[in-house]
Protein backbone atom coordinates (compact mmCIF):
# COMPACT_ATOMS: atom_id res chain seq x y z
CA UNK A 1 104.93 26.49 77.84
CA UNK A 2 105.09 23.73 75.45
CA UNK A 3 105.38 24.22 71.66
CA UNK A 4 102.00 22.63 70.92
CA UNK A 5 100.11 25.11 73.29
CA UNK A 6 97.60 27.07 71.00
CA UNK A 7 97.27 30.81 72.49
CA UNK A 8 94.39 32.97 72.17
CA UNK A 9 96.64 35.91 72.82
CA UNK A 10 100.16 36.95 73.50
CA UNK A 11 100.33 40.52 74.59
CA UNK A 12 102.05 42.98 77.11
CA UNK A 13 100.73 44.82 80.13
CA UNK A 14 101.58 48.19 80.95
CA UNK A 15 104.63 47.17 82.86
CA UNK A 16 106.03 45.39 79.80
CA UNK A 17 105.33 41.64 81.25
CA UNK A 18 104.52 39.42 78.22
CA UNK A 19 101.17 37.92 79.06
CA UNK A 20 99.61 34.70 77.43
CA UNK A 21 96.07 32.95 77.50
CA UNK A 22 96.19 29.50 76.03
CA UNK A 23 92.97 28.21 74.20
CA UNK A 24 92.97 25.05 76.70
CA UNK A 25 92.85 27.49 79.81
CA UNK A 26 90.06 29.45 78.48
CA UNK A 27 88.13 26.66 77.15
CA UNK A 28 88.76 24.04 79.68
CA UNK A 29 88.90 26.24 82.85
CA UNK A 30 87.41 29.80 82.52
CA UNK A 31 84.32 28.91 80.39
CA UNK A 32 84.13 25.25 81.20
CA UNK A 33 81.01 24.16 83.29
CA UNK A 34 82.66 21.14 84.34
CA UNK A 35 82.76 20.98 88.23
CA UNK A 36 82.76 24.79 88.73
CA UNK A 37 81.00 27.87 87.62
CA UNK A 38 81.21 28.88 84.08
CA UNK A 39 82.38 32.28 83.33
CA UNK A 40 81.07 32.71 79.55
CA UNK A 41 80.25 36.50 80.08
CA UNK A 42 83.38 37.73 78.72
CA UNK A 43 85.47 37.16 75.62
CA UNK A 44 89.28 36.47 75.25
CA UNK A 45 89.32 39.78 73.82
CA UNK A 46 87.95 41.33 76.85
CA UNK A 47 90.54 39.49 78.91
CA UNK A 48 93.19 40.57 76.80
CA UNK A 49 91.90 44.32 77.07
CA UNK A 50 92.06 43.64 80.87
CA UNK A 51 95.67 42.92 80.66
CA UNK A 52 96.66 45.47 78.27
CA UNK A 53 94.77 48.36 79.76
CA UNK A 54 93.74 47.65 83.61
CA UNK A 55 92.75 50.01 85.90
CA UNK A 56 94.96 48.11 88.51
CA UNK A 57 97.14 45.49 89.11
CA UNK A 58 98.10 44.04 92.53
CA UNK A 59 99.73 41.11 93.92
CA UNK A 60 97.23 38.39 95.15
CA UNK A 61 96.70 37.96 98.87
CA UNK A 62 96.58 34.22 98.38
CA UNK A 63 99.04 33.19 96.01
CA UNK A 64 102.20 35.21 96.08
CA UNK A 65 103.34 34.18 92.49
CA UNK A 66 99.89 35.66 91.10
CA UNK A 67 98.87 39.12 90.11
CA UNK A 68 95.20 40.29 89.95
CA UNK A 69 94.38 42.59 87.00
CA UNK A 70 91.10 44.65 87.49
CA UNK A 71 89.41 46.47 84.44
CA UNK A 72 85.94 47.52 83.42
CA UNK A 73 86.10 45.74 80.36
CA UNK A 74 83.17 43.58 80.06
CA UNK A 75 80.58 44.65 77.25
CA UNK A 76 77.71 42.70 79.01
CA UNK A 77 78.34 44.00 82.43
CA UNK A 78 80.08 47.57 81.85
CA UNK A 79 79.74 48.56 85.68
CA UNK A 80 81.58 45.24 87.06
CA UNK A 81 85.25 44.82 87.20
CA UNK A 82 86.74 41.98 85.24
CA UNK A 83 89.23 40.08 87.50
CA UNK A 84 91.94 38.46 85.76
CA UNK A 85 94.34 36.37 87.62
CA UNK A 86 97.71 35.83 86.10
CA UNK A 87 100.59 33.42 87.25
CA UNK A 88 103.70 35.72 86.84
CA UNK A 89 107.53 35.17 86.67
CA UNK A 90 108.85 38.50 87.97
CA UNK A 91 112.31 37.55 86.72
CA UNK A 92 111.36 36.56 83.35
CA UNK A 93 108.62 39.40 83.11
CA UNK A 94 105.98 37.25 81.92
CA UNK A 95 102.78 35.24 82.79
CA UNK A 96 99.95 33.29 81.86
CA UNK A 97 96.45 33.74 82.57
CA UNK A 98 94.95 31.42 85.27
CA UNK A 99 91.38 32.48 85.36
CA UNK A 100 89.08 35.40 85.19
CA UNK A 101 85.66 36.27 86.69
CA UNK A 102 83.40 39.33 87.20
CA UNK A 103 83.49 41.27 90.55
CA UNK A 104 81.75 44.57 91.96
CA UNK A 105 84.91 45.77 93.66
CA UNK A 106 88.64 45.29 93.12
CA UNK A 107 89.54 43.02 95.98
CA UNK A 108 91.94 40.08 96.85
CA UNK A 109 94.89 42.20 96.60
CA UNK A 110 97.78 41.82 99.23
CA UNK A 111 98.20 45.04 101.45
CA UNK A 112 101.26 46.76 100.23
CA UNK A 113 101.03 44.81 96.69
CA UNK A 114 99.99 47.48 94.54
CA UNK A 115 101.92 46.83 91.18
CA UNK A 116 100.24 49.43 88.86
CA UNK A 117 97.32 51.85 88.88
CA UNK A 118 95.99 53.78 85.63
CA UNK A 119 95.77 57.48 86.25
CA UNK A 120 92.48 57.19 84.08
CA UNK A 121 90.90 54.61 86.55
CA UNK A 122 89.60 56.90 89.23
CA UNK A 123 90.55 54.33 91.79
């Protein structure tokens, strides 16, 4: 990550991985309406909450270097899961948020790719 990158957050997940969300990624990809669906139903704070206190983290079934964080963190849609996709570097124990969106069920994880589950989650 370059020195001029402005971060909306820099935090840690339950595994002590350092996770960041850049201003550019949030405003130009996650909530941008250019050429794809805008996801403005959650804030950077809600994404951060999903990273810090997820119900579950699993490896993506489509991109091996990505982990999926699931948590019921959207104030507007409290019954839905916020699915936060993070590009991770397991060796460096860090990652960057790629995108986020709402889903009814935690899905898209690789079979056998469970990385973390919260005891409070009831999953």
